[in-house]
Amino acid sequence: MNFSRPSPRVPGAAQPADVRGIRDERWKLVLTIDAAGKVAPQQLYDLGADVSEKFDRVKQHPDVVARLAAAAQQFYDEIHTHVRPAGRRGSAPGAL
């Protein structure tokens, strides 16, 4: 699976959550991550049949949405556990 970077920030625009994505061989799930670290699926695209990403398939494939959203949440939680505050030296919380 591949994870995308956050979307670019637009100066002065409201940024309620980071917009990101996760994909596997066939599917791409666009999702947001709110300030509390909760993943929320937004759109699902079938890259094999819809390369231009015009047709959202969230309602047609809830199983794929659940699988990719769970993988994204697990990835985010694991990374977030090992992040240290910017500008501080030392190990991440819980690290040896």
PDB file of N, CA and C in Angstrom:
ATOM      1  N   MET A   1       0.839  -1.178   0.000  1.00  0.00           N
ATOM      2  CA  MET A   1       0.000   0.000   0.000  1.00  0.00           C
ATOM      3  C   MET A   1       0.877   1.233   0.000  1.00  0.00           C
ATOM      4  N   ASN A   2       0.395   2.261  -0.606  1.00  0.00           N
ATOM      5  CA  ASN A   2       1.105   3.532  -0.661  1.00  0.00           C
ATOM      6  C   ASN A   2       0.292   4.596   0.048  1.00  0.00           C
ATOM      7  N   PHE A   3       0.992   5.496   0.723  1.00  0.00           N
ATOM      8  CA  PHE A   3       0.352   6.598   1.423  1.00  0.00           C
ATOM      9  C   PHE A   3       0.787   7.896   0.771  1.00  0.00           C
ATOM     10  N   SER A   4      -0.124   8.841   0.648  1.00  0.00           N
ATOM     11  CA  SER A   4       0.218  10.121   0.029  1.00  0.00           C
ATOM     12  C   SER A   4       0.552  11.150   1.101  1.00  0.00           C
ATOM     13  N   ARG A   5       1.177  12.215   0.659  1.00  0.00           N
ATOM     14  CA  ARG A   5       1.501  13.339   1.542  1.00  0.00           C
ATOM     15  C   ARG A   5       0.264  14.189   1.756  1.00  0.00           C
ATOM     16  N   PRO A   6       0.300  15.045   2.786  1.00  0.00           N
ATOM     17  CA  PRO A   6      -0.816  15.975   2.971  1.00  0.00           C
ATOM     18  C   PRO A   6      -0.943  16.894   1.765  1.00  0.00           C
ATOM     19  N   SER A   7      -2.155  17.370   1.551  1.00  0.00           N
ATOM     20  CA  SER A   7      -2.365  18.309   0.460  1.00  0.00           C
ATOM     21  C   SER A   7      -1.664  19.626   0.762  1.00  0.00           C
ATOM     22  N   PRO A   8      -1.273  20.362  -0.278  1.00  0.00           N
ATOM     23  CA  PRO A   8      -0.610  21.647  -0.032  1.00  0.00           C
ATOM     24  C   PRO A   8      -1.550  22.622   0.674  1.00  0.00           C
ATOM     25  N   ARG A   9      -0.986  23.426   1.512  1.00  0.00           N
ATOM     26  CA  ARG A   9      -1.773  24.433   2.239  1.00  0.00           C
ATOM     27  C   ARG A   9      -1.957  25.673   1.376  1.00  0.00           C
ATOM     28  N   VAL A  10      -3.133  26.219   1.439  1.00  0.00           N
ATOM     29  CA  VAL A  10      -3.424  27.466   0.742  1.00  0.00           C
ATOM     30  C   VAL A  10      -3.447  28.563   1.792  1.00  0.00           C
ATOM     31  N   PRO A  11      -2.540  29.549   1.694  1.00  0.00           N
ATOM     32  CA  PRO A  11      -2.516  30.608   2.702  1.00  0.00           C
ATOM     33  C   PRO A  11      -3.877  31.269   2.860  1.00  0.00           C
ATOM     34  N   GLY A  12      -4.306  31.405   4.102  1.00  0.00           N
ATOM     35  CA  GLY A  12      -5.573  32.063   4.386  1.00  0.00           C
ATOM     36  C   GLY A  12      -6.790  31.168   4.285  1.00  0.00           C
ATOM     37  N   ALA A  13      -6.640  29.954   3.746  1.00  0.00           N
ATOM     38  CA  ALA A  13      -7.785  29.053   3.607  1.00  0.00           C
ATOM     39  C   ALA A  13      -7.952  28.241   4.883  1.00  0.00           C
ATOM     40  N   ALA A  14      -9.188  27.902   5.192  1.00  0.00           N
ATOM     41  CA  ALA A  14      -9.450  27.062   6.357  1.00  0.00           C
ATOM     42  C   ALA A  14      -8.885  25.669   6.106  1.00  0.00           C
ATOM     43  N   GLN A  15      -8.232  25.100   7.100  1.00  0.00           N
ATOM     44  CA  GLN A  15      -7.646  23.765   6.977  1.00  0.00           C
ATOM     45  C   GLN A  15      -8.145  22.914   8.151  1.00  0.00           C
ATOM     46  N   PRO A  16      -9.365  22.389   8.076  1.00  0.00           N
ATOM     47  CA  PRO A  16      -9.904  21.637   9.203  1.00  0.00           C
ATOM     48  C   PRO A  16      -9.233  20.288   9.414  1.00  0.00           C
ATOM     49  N   ALA A  17      -8.664  19.718   8.370  1.00  0.00           N
ATOM     50  CA  ALA A  17      -8.031  18.405   8.492  1.00  0.00           C
ATOM     51  C   ALA A  17      -7.063  18.219   7.333  1.00  0.00           C
ATOM     52  N   ASP A  18      -6.084  17.363   7.556  1.00  0.00           N
ATOM     53  CA  ASP A  18      -5.183  17.014   6.473  1.00  0.00           C
ATOM     54  C   ASP A  18      -5.908  16.083   5.508  1.00  0.00           C
ATOM     55  N   VAL A  19      -5.745  16.324   4.223  1.00  0.00           N
ATOM     56  CA  VAL A  19      -6.307  15.435   3.207  1.00  0.00           C
ATOM     57  C   VAL A  19      -5.174  14.558   2.714  1.00  0.00           C
ATOM     58  N   ARG A  20      -5.391  13.270   2.771  1.00  0.00           N
ATOM     59  CA  ARG A  20      -4.373  12.296   2.386  1.00  0.00           C
ATOM     60  C   ARG A  20      -5.029  11.186   1.591  1.00  0.00           C
ATOM     61  N   GLY A  21      -4.230  10.218   1.213  1.00  0.00           N
ATOM     62  CA  GLY A  21      -4.770   9.075   0.494  1.00  0.00           C
ATOM     63  C   GLY A  21      -3.970   7.828   0.770  1.00  0.00           C
ATOM     64  N   ILE A  22      -4.597   6.708   0.546  1.00  0.00           N
ATOM     65  CA  ILE A  22      -3.948   5.406   0.636  1.00  0.00           C
ATOM     66  C   ILE A  22      -4.431   4.599  -0.564  1.00  0.00           C
ATOM     67  N   ARG A  23      -3.533   3.795  -1.124  1.00  0.00           N
ATOM     68  CA  ARG A  23      -3.944   2.998  -2.271  1.00  0.00           C
ATOM     69  C   ARG A  23      -3.300   1.629  -2.229  1.00  0.00           C
ATOM     70  N   ASP A  24      -3.942   0.695  -2.910  1.00  0.00           N
ATOM     71  CA  ASP A  24      -3.357  -0.613  -3.122  1.00  0.00           C
ATOM     72  C   ASP A  24      -3.265  -0.819  -4.630  1.00  0.00           C
ATOM     73  N   GLU A  25      -3.188  -2.057  -5.081  1.00  0.00           N
ATOM     74  CA  GLU A  25      -3.019  -2.296  -6.509  1.00  0.00           C
ATOM     75  C   GLU A  25      -4.168  -1.740  -7.356  1.00  0.00           C
ATOM     76  N   ARG A  26      -5.383  -1.761  -6.817  1.00  0.00           N
ATOM     77  CA  ARG A  26      -6.561  -1.365  -7.593  1.00  0.00           C
ATOM     78  C   ARG A  26      -7.240  -0.093  -7.098  1.00  0.00           C
ATOM     79  N   TRP A  27      -7.243   0.132  -5.800  1.00  0.00           N
ATOM     80  CA  TRP A  27      -8.078   1.172  -5.203  1.00  0.00           C
ATOM     81  C   TRP A  27      -7.269   2.329  -4.631  1.00  0.00           C
ATOM     82  N   LYS A  28      -7.890   3.518  -4.649  1.00  0.00           N
ATOM     83  CA  LYS A  28      -7.330   4.697  -3.982  1.00  0.00           C
ATOM     84  C   LYS A  28      -8.424   5.276  -3.093  1.00  0.00           C
ATOM     85  N   LEU A  29      -8.118   5.399  -1.793  1.00  0.00           N
ATOM     86  CA  LEU A  29      -9.045   5.993  -0.842  1.00  0.00           C
ATOM     87  C   LEU A  29      -8.505   7.347  -0.429  1.00  0.00           C
ATOM     88  N   VAL A  30      -9.269   8.389  -0.688  1.00  0.00           N
ATOM     89  CA  VAL A  30      -8.936   9.739  -0.238  1.00  0.00           C
ATOM     90  C   VAL A  30      -9.578   9.897   1.129  1.00  0.00           C
ATOM     91  N   LEU A  31      -8.807  10.402   2.091  1.00  0.00           N
ATOM     92  CA  LEU A  31      -9.312  10.504   3.449  1.00  0.00           C
ATOM     93  C   LEU A  31      -8.807  11.773   4.110  1.00  0.00           C
ATOM     94  N   THR A  32      -9.434  12.122   5.211  1.00  0.00           N
ATOM     95  CA  THR A  32      -8.959  13.232   6.031  1.00  0.00           C
ATOM     96  C   THR A  32      -8.552  12.679   7.386  1.00  0.00           C
ATOM     97  N   ILE A  33      -7.665  13.412   8.047  1.00  0.00           N
ATOM     98  CA  ILE A  33      -7.266  13.083   9.411  1.00  0.00           C
ATOM     99  C   ILE A  33      -7.496  14.346  10.233  1.00  0.00           C
ATOM    100  N   ASP A  34      -8.391  14.252  11.202  1.00  0.00           N
ATOM    101  CA  ASP A  34      -8.713  15.446  11.989  1.00  0.00           C
ATOM    102  C   ASP A  34      -7.660  15.693  13.073  1.00  0.00           C
ATOM    103  N   ALA A  35      -7.844  16.756  13.838  1.00  0.00           N
ATOM    104  CA  ALA A  35      -6.868  17.150  14.853  1.00  0.00           C
ATOM    105  C   ALA A  35      -6.689  16.089  15.935  1.00  0.00           C
ATOM    106  N   ALA A  36      -7.689  15.259  16.141  1.00  0.00           N
ATOM    107  CA  ALA A  36      -7.604  14.195  17.141  1.00  0.00           C
ATOM    108  C   ALA A  36      -6.957  12.926  16.581  1.00  0.00           C
ATOM    109  N   GLY A  37      -6.626  12.936  15.284  1.00  0.00           N
ATOM    110  CA  GLY A  37      -5.988  11.783  14.670  1.00  0.00           C
ATOM    111  C   GLY A  37      -6.940  10.739  14.140  1.00  0.00           C
ATOM    112  N   LYS A  38      -8.189  11.099  13.958  1.00  0.00           N
ATOM    113  CA  LYS A  38      -9.209  10.174  13.458  1.00  0.00           C
ATOM    114  C   LYS A  38      -9.257  10.227  11.936  1.00  0.00           C
ATOM    115  N   VAL A  39      -9.130   9.050  11.313  1.00  0.00           N
ATOM    116  CA  VAL A  39      -9.203   8.934   9.859  1.00  0.00           C
ATOM    117  C   VAL A  39     -10.671   8.910   9.434  1.00  0.00           C
ATOM    118  N   ALA A  40     -11.006   9.696   8.407  1.00  0.00           N
ATOM    119  CA  ALA A  40     -12.367   9.728   7.876  1.00  0.00           C
ATOM    120  C   ALA A  40     -12.319   9.572   6.357  1.00  0.00           C
ATOM    121  N   PRO A  41     -12.832   8.458   5.831  1.00  0.00           N
ATOM    122  CA  PRO A  41     -12.849   8.255   4.383  1.00  0.00           C
ATOM    123  C   PRO A  41     -13.703   9.312   3.679  1.00  0.00           C
ATOM    124  N   GLN A  42     -13.242   9.753   2.506  1.00  0.00           N
ATOM    125  CA  GLN A  42     -13.970  10.756   1.732  1.00  0.00           C
ATOM    126  C   GLN A  42     -14.408  10.229   0.367  1.00  0.00           C
ATOM    127  N   GLN A  43     -13.459   9.753  -0.428  1.00  0.00           N
ATOM    128  CA  GLN A  43     -13.771   9.214  -1.753  1.00  0.00           C
ATOM    129  C   GLN A  43     -12.972   7.937  -1.986  1.00  0.00           C
ATOM    130  N   LEU A  44     -13.531   7.040  -2.814  1.00  0.00           N
ATOM    131  CA  LEU A  44     -12.859   5.811  -3.207  1.00  0.00           C
ATOM    132  C   LEU A  44     -12.888   5.727  -4.725  1.00  0.00           C
ATOM    133  N   TYR A  45     -11.726   5.469  -5.322  1.00  0.00           N
ATOM    134  CA  TYR A  45     -11.633   5.365  -6.777  1.00  0.00           C
ATOM    135  C   TYR A  45     -11.084   4.007  -7.180  1.00  0.00           C
ATOM    136  N   ASP A  46     -11.681   3.434  -8.214  1.00  0.00           N
ATOM    137  CA  ASP A  46     -11.217   2.183  -8.803  1.00  0.00           C
ATOM    138  C   ASP A  46     -10.239   2.549  -9.914  1.00  0.00           C
ATOM    139  N   LEU A  47      -8.945   2.494  -9.609  1.00  0.00           N
ATOM    140  CA  LEU A  47      -7.929   2.949 -10.554  1.00  0.00           C
ATOM    141  C   LEU A  47      -7.810   2.049 -11.777  1.00  0.00           C
ATOM    142  N   GLY A  48      -8.262   0.816 -11.675  1.00  0.00           N
ATOM    143  CA  GLY A  48      -8.242  -0.073 -12.828  1.00  0.00           C
ATOM    144  C   GLY A  48      -9.291   0.292 -13.862  1.00  0.00           C
ATOM    145  N   ALA A  49     -10.435   0.774 -13.410  1.00  0.00           N
ATOM    146  CA  ALA A  49     -11.538   1.096 -14.315  1.00  0.00           C
ATOM    147  C   ALA A  49     -11.752   2.598 -14.511  1.00  0.00           C
ATOM    148  N   ASP A  50     -11.173   3.410 -13.643  1.00  0.00           N
ATOM    149  CA  ASP A  50     -11.426   4.856 -13.650  1.00  0.00           C
ATOM    150  C   ASP A  50     -10.123   5.609 -13.362  1.00  0.00           C
ATOM    151  N   VAL A  51      -9.219   5.573 -14.324  1.00  0.00           N
ATOM    152  CA  VAL A  51      -7.896   6.182 -14.154  1.00  0.00           C
ATOM    153  C   VAL A  51      -7.997   7.679 -13.871  1.00  0.00           C
ATOM    154  N   SER A  52      -8.993   8.331 -14.411  1.00  0.00           N
ATOM    155  CA  SER A  52      -9.140   9.774 -14.231  1.00  0.00           C
ATOM    156  C   SER A  52      -9.778  10.148 -12.888  1.00  0.00           C
ATOM    157  N   GLU A  53     -10.157   9.147 -12.097  1.00  0.00           N
ATOM    158  CA  GLU A  53     -10.735   9.367 -10.770  1.00  0.00           C
ATOM    159  C   GLU A  53     -11.961  10.282 -10.801  1.00  0.00           C
ATOM    160  N   LYS A  54     -12.898   9.953 -11.661  1.00  0.00           N
ATOM    161  CA  LYS A  54     -14.128  10.743 -11.789  1.00  0.00           C
ATOM    162  C   LYS A  54     -15.288  10.177 -10.983  1.00  0.00           C
ATOM    163  N   PHE A  55     -15.259   8.879 -10.666  1.00  0.00           N
ATOM    164  CA  PHE A  55     -16.409   8.227 -10.066  1.00  0.00           C
ATOM    165  C   PHE A  55     -16.096   7.699  -8.664  1.00  0.00           C
ATOM    166  N   ASP A  56     -16.726   8.310  -7.672  1.00  0.00           N
ATOM    167  CA  ASP A  56     -16.555   7.917  -6.276  1.00  0.00           C
ATOM    168  C   ASP A  56     -17.300   6.596  -6.047  1.00  0.00           C
ATOM    169  N   ARG A  57     -16.617   5.600  -5.488  1.00  0.00           N
ATOM    170  CA  ARG A  57     -17.191   4.262  -5.283  1.00  0.00           C
ATOM    171  C   ARG A  57     -17.349   3.906  -3.803  1.00  0.00           C
ATOM    172  N   VAL A  58     -17.400   4.903  -2.919  1.00  0.00           N
ATOM    173  CA  VAL A  58     -17.523   4.636  -1.486  1.00  0.00           C
ATOM    174  C   VAL A  58     -18.763   3.796  -1.182  1.00  0.00           C
ATOM    175  N   LYS A  59     -19.895   4.145  -1.716  1.00  0.00           N
ATOM    176  CA  LYS A  59     -21.150   3.444  -1.409  1.00  0.00           C
ATOM    177  C   LYS A  59     -21.197   2.043  -2.011  1.00  0.00           C
ATOM    178  N   GLN A  60     -20.555   1.845  -3.147  1.00  0.00           N
ATOM    179  CA  GLN A  60     -20.601   0.549  -3.810  1.00  0.00           C
ATOM    180  C   GLN A  60     -19.638  -0.473  -3.195  1.00  0.00           C
ATOM    181  N   HIS A  61     -18.592  -0.008  -2.491  1.00  0.00           N
ATOM    182  CA  HIS A  61     -17.564  -0.903  -1.974  1.00  0.00           C
ATOM    183  C   HIS A  61     -17.185  -0.577  -0.527  1.00  0.00           C
ATOM    184  N   PRO A  62     -18.132  -0.712   0.408  1.00  0.00           N
ATOM    185  CA  PRO A  62     -17.828  -0.396   1.809  1.00  0.00           C
ATOM    186  C   PRO A  62     -16.749  -1.303   2.405  1.00  0.00           C
ATOM    187  N   ASP A  63     -16.617  -2.515   1.897  1.00  0.00           N
ATOM    188  CA  ASP A  63     -15.583  -3.431   2.390  1.00  0.00           C
ATOM    189  C   ASP A  63     -14.181  -2.913   2.071  1.00  0.00           C
ATOM    190  N   VAL A  64     -14.006  -2.368   0.875  1.00  0.00           N
ATOM    191  CA  VAL A  64     -12.711  -1.807   0.478  1.00  0.00           C
ATOM    192  C   VAL A  64     -12.422  -0.554   1.299  1.00  0.00           C
ATOM    193  N   VAL A  65     -13.435   0.277   1.484  1.00  0.00           N
ATOM    194  CA  VAL A  65     -13.279   1.490   2.299  1.00  0.00           C
ATOM    195  C   VAL A  65     -12.843   1.118   3.714  1.00  0.00           C
ATOM    196  N   ALA A  66     -13.508   0.146   4.305  1.00  0.00           N
ATOM    197  CA  ALA A  66     -13.178  -0.261   5.671  1.00  0.00           C
ATOM    198  C   ALA A  66     -11.749  -0.801   5.761  1.00  0.00           C
ATOM    199  N   ARG A  67     -11.345  -1.611   4.804  1.00  0.00           N
ATOM    200  CA  ARG A  67     -10.004  -2.195   4.813  1.00  0.00           C
ATOM    201  C   ARG A  67      -8.922  -1.130   4.682  1.00  0.00           C
ATOM    202  N   LEU A  68      -9.086  -0.224   3.714  1.00  0.00           N
ATOM    203  CA  LEU A  68      -8.079   0.813   3.499  1.00  0.00           C
ATOM    204  C   LEU A  68      -8.071   1.840   4.631  1.00  0.00           C
ATOM    205  N   ALA A  69      -9.250   2.193   5.142  1.00  0.00           N
ATOM    206  CA  ALA A  69      -9.325   3.150   6.253  1.00  0.00           C
ATOM    207  C   ALA A  69      -8.665   2.568   7.506  1.00  0.00           C
ATOM    208  N   ALA A  70      -8.869   1.276   7.766  1.00  0.00           N
ATOM    209  CA  ALA A  70      -8.236   0.640   8.920  1.00  0.00           C
ATOM    210  C   ALA A  70      -6.717   0.628   8.777  1.00  0.00           C
ATOM    211  N   ALA A  71      -6.233   0.354   7.573  1.00  0.00           N
ATOM    212  CA  ALA A  71      -4.782   0.361   7.340  1.00  0.00           C
ATOM    213  C   ALA A  71      -4.223   1.765   7.525  1.00  0.00           C
ATOM    214  N   ALA A  72      -4.931   2.779   7.036  1.00  0.00           N
ATOM    215  CA  ALA A  72      -4.483   4.166   7.190  1.00  0.00           C
ATOM    216  C   ALA A  72      -4.477   4.577   8.658  1.00  0.00           C
ATOM    217  N   GLN A  73      -5.509   4.178   9.407  1.00  0.00           N
ATOM    218  CA  GLN A  73      -5.576   4.523  10.831  1.00  0.00           C
ATOM    219  C   GLN A  73      -4.441   3.855  11.591  1.00  0.00           C
ATOM    220  N   GLN A  74      -4.176   2.596  11.296  1.00  0.00           N
ATOM    221  CA  GLN A  74      -3.087   1.883  11.958  1.00  0.00           C
ATOM    222  C   GLN A  74      -1.742   2.548  11.661  1.00  0.00           C
ATOM    223  N   PHE A  75      -1.531   2.914  10.401  1.00  0.00           N
ATOM    224  CA  PHE A  75      -0.295   3.581   9.999  1.00  0.00           C
ATOM    225  C   PHE A  75      -0.153   4.915  10.723  1.00  0.00           C
ATOM    226  N   TYR A  76      -1.219   5.726  10.729  1.00  0.00           N
ATOM    227  CA  TYR A  76      -1.180   7.029  11.391  1.00  0.00           C
ATOM    228  C   TYR A  76      -0.898   6.869  12.885  1.00  0.00           C
ATOM    229  N   ASP A  77      -1.588   5.936  13.534  1.00  0.00           N
ATOM    230  CA  ASP A  77      -1.396   5.737  14.972  1.00  0.00           C
ATOM    231  C   ASP A  77       0.038   5.321  15.280  1.00  0.00           C
ATOM    232  N   GLU A  78       0.594   4.433  14.472  1.00  0.00           N
ATOM    233  CA  GLU A  78       1.960   3.979  14.701  1.00  0.00           C
ATOM    234  C   GLU A  78       2.962   5.118  14.521  1.00  0.00           C
ATOM    235  N   ILE A  79       2.815   5.889  13.460  1.00  0.00           N
ATOM    236  CA  ILE A  79       3.715   7.016  13.219  1.00  0.00           C
ATOM    237  C   ILE A  79       3.559   8.068  14.313  1.00  0.00           C
ATOM    238  N   HIS A  80       2.326   8.382  14.669  1.00  0.00           N
ATOM    239  CA  HIS A  80       2.056   9.413  15.671  1.00  0.00           C
ATOM    240  C   HIS A  80       2.647   9.038  17.035  1.00  0.00           C
ATOM    241  N   THR A  81       2.691   7.769  17.354  1.00  0.00           N
ATOM    242  CA  THR A  81       3.251   7.299  18.616  1.00  0.00           C
ATOM    243  C   THR A  81       4.728   7.638  18.737  1.00  0.00           C
ATOM    244  N   HIS A  82       5.430   7.707  17.618  1.00  0.00           N
ATOM    245  CA  HIS A  82       6.875   7.899  17.632  1.00  0.00           C
ATOM    246  C   HIS A  82       7.328   9.290  17.200  1.00  0.00           C
ATOM    247  N   VAL A  83       6.412  10.229  17.149  1.00  0.00           N
ATOM    248  CA  VAL A  83       6.749  11.597  16.756  1.00  0.00           C
ATOM    249  C   VAL A  83       7.147  12.391  17.986  1.00  0.00           C
ATOM    250  N   ARG A  84       8.204  13.169  17.859  1.00  0.00           N
ATOM    251  CA  ARG A  84       8.577  14.062  18.955  1.00  0.00           C
ATOM    252  C   ARG A  84       8.220  15.487  18.541  1.00  0.00           C
ATOM    253  N   PRO A  85       8.000  16.369  19.493  1.00  0.00           N
ATOM    254  CA  PRO A  85       7.643  17.751  19.165  1.00  0.00           C
ATOM    255  C   PRO A  85       8.749  18.429  18.347  1.00  0.00           C
ATOM    256  N   ALA A  86       8.358  19.248  17.424  1.00  0.00           N
ATOM    257  CA  ALA A  86       9.321  19.980  16.592  1.00  0.00           C
ATOM    258  C   ALA A  86      10.179  20.883  17.466  1.00  0.00           C
ATOM    259  N   GLY A  87      11.460  20.943  17.156  1.00  0.00           N
ATOM    260  CA  GLY A  87      12.363  21.828  17.870  1.00  0.00           C
ATOM    261  C   GLY A  87      12.926  21.266  19.152  1.00  0.00           C
ATOM    262  N   ARG A  88      12.601  20.035  19.473  1.00  0.00           N
ATOM    263  CA  ARG A  88      13.129  19.429  20.695  1.00  0.00           C
ATOM    264  C   ARG A  88      14.042  18.254  20.343  1.00  0.00           C
ATOM    265  N   ARG A  89      15.105  18.141  21.078  1.00  0.00           N
ATOM    266  CA  ARG A  89      16.016  17.019  20.887  1.00  0.00           C
ATOM    267  C   ARG A  89      15.657  15.918  21.866  1.00  0.00           C
ATOM    268  N   GLY A  90      16.064  14.726  21.517  1.00  0.00           N
ATOM    269  CA  GLY A  90      15.808  13.588  22.396  1.00  0.00           C
ATOM    270  C   GLY A  90      14.987  12.551  21.690  1.00  0.00           C
ATOM    271  N   SER A  91      14.728  11.495  22.376  1.00  0.00           N
ATOM    272  CA  SER A  91      14.010  10.389  21.763  1.00  0.00           C
ATOM    273  C   SER A  91      12.513  10.619  21.804  1.00  0.00           C
ATOM    274  N   ALA A  92      11.834   9.865  20.964  1.00  0.00           N
ATOM    275  CA  ALA A  92      10.380   9.919  20.919  1.00  0.00           C
ATOM    276  C   ALA A  92       9.806   9.324  22.211  1.00  0.00           C
ATOM    277  N   PRO A  93       8.596   9.720  22.589  1.00  0.00           N
ATOM    278  CA  PRO A  93       7.983   9.179  23.794  1.00  0.00           C
ATOM    279  C   PRO A  93       7.919   7.651  23.714  1.00  0.00           C
ATOM    280  N   GLY A  94       8.326   7.010  24.781  1.00  0.00           N
ATOM    281  CA  GLY A  94       8.252   5.558  24.836  1.00  0.00           C
ATOM    282  C   GLY A  94       9.409   4.849  24.174  1.00  0.00           C
ATOM    283  N   ALA A  95      10.318   5.588  23.548  1.00  0.00           N
ATOM    284  CA  ALA A  95      11.470   4.963  22.886  1.00  0.00           C
ATOM    285  C   ALA A  95      12.553   4.663  23.905  1.00  0.00           C
ATOM    286  N   LEU A  96      13.354   3.690  23.589  1.00  0.00           N
ATOM    287  CA  LEU A  96      14.456   3.327  24.481  1.00  0.00           C
ATOM    288  C   LEU A  96      15.682   4.120  24.154  1.00  0.00           C
TER     289      LEU A  96
END
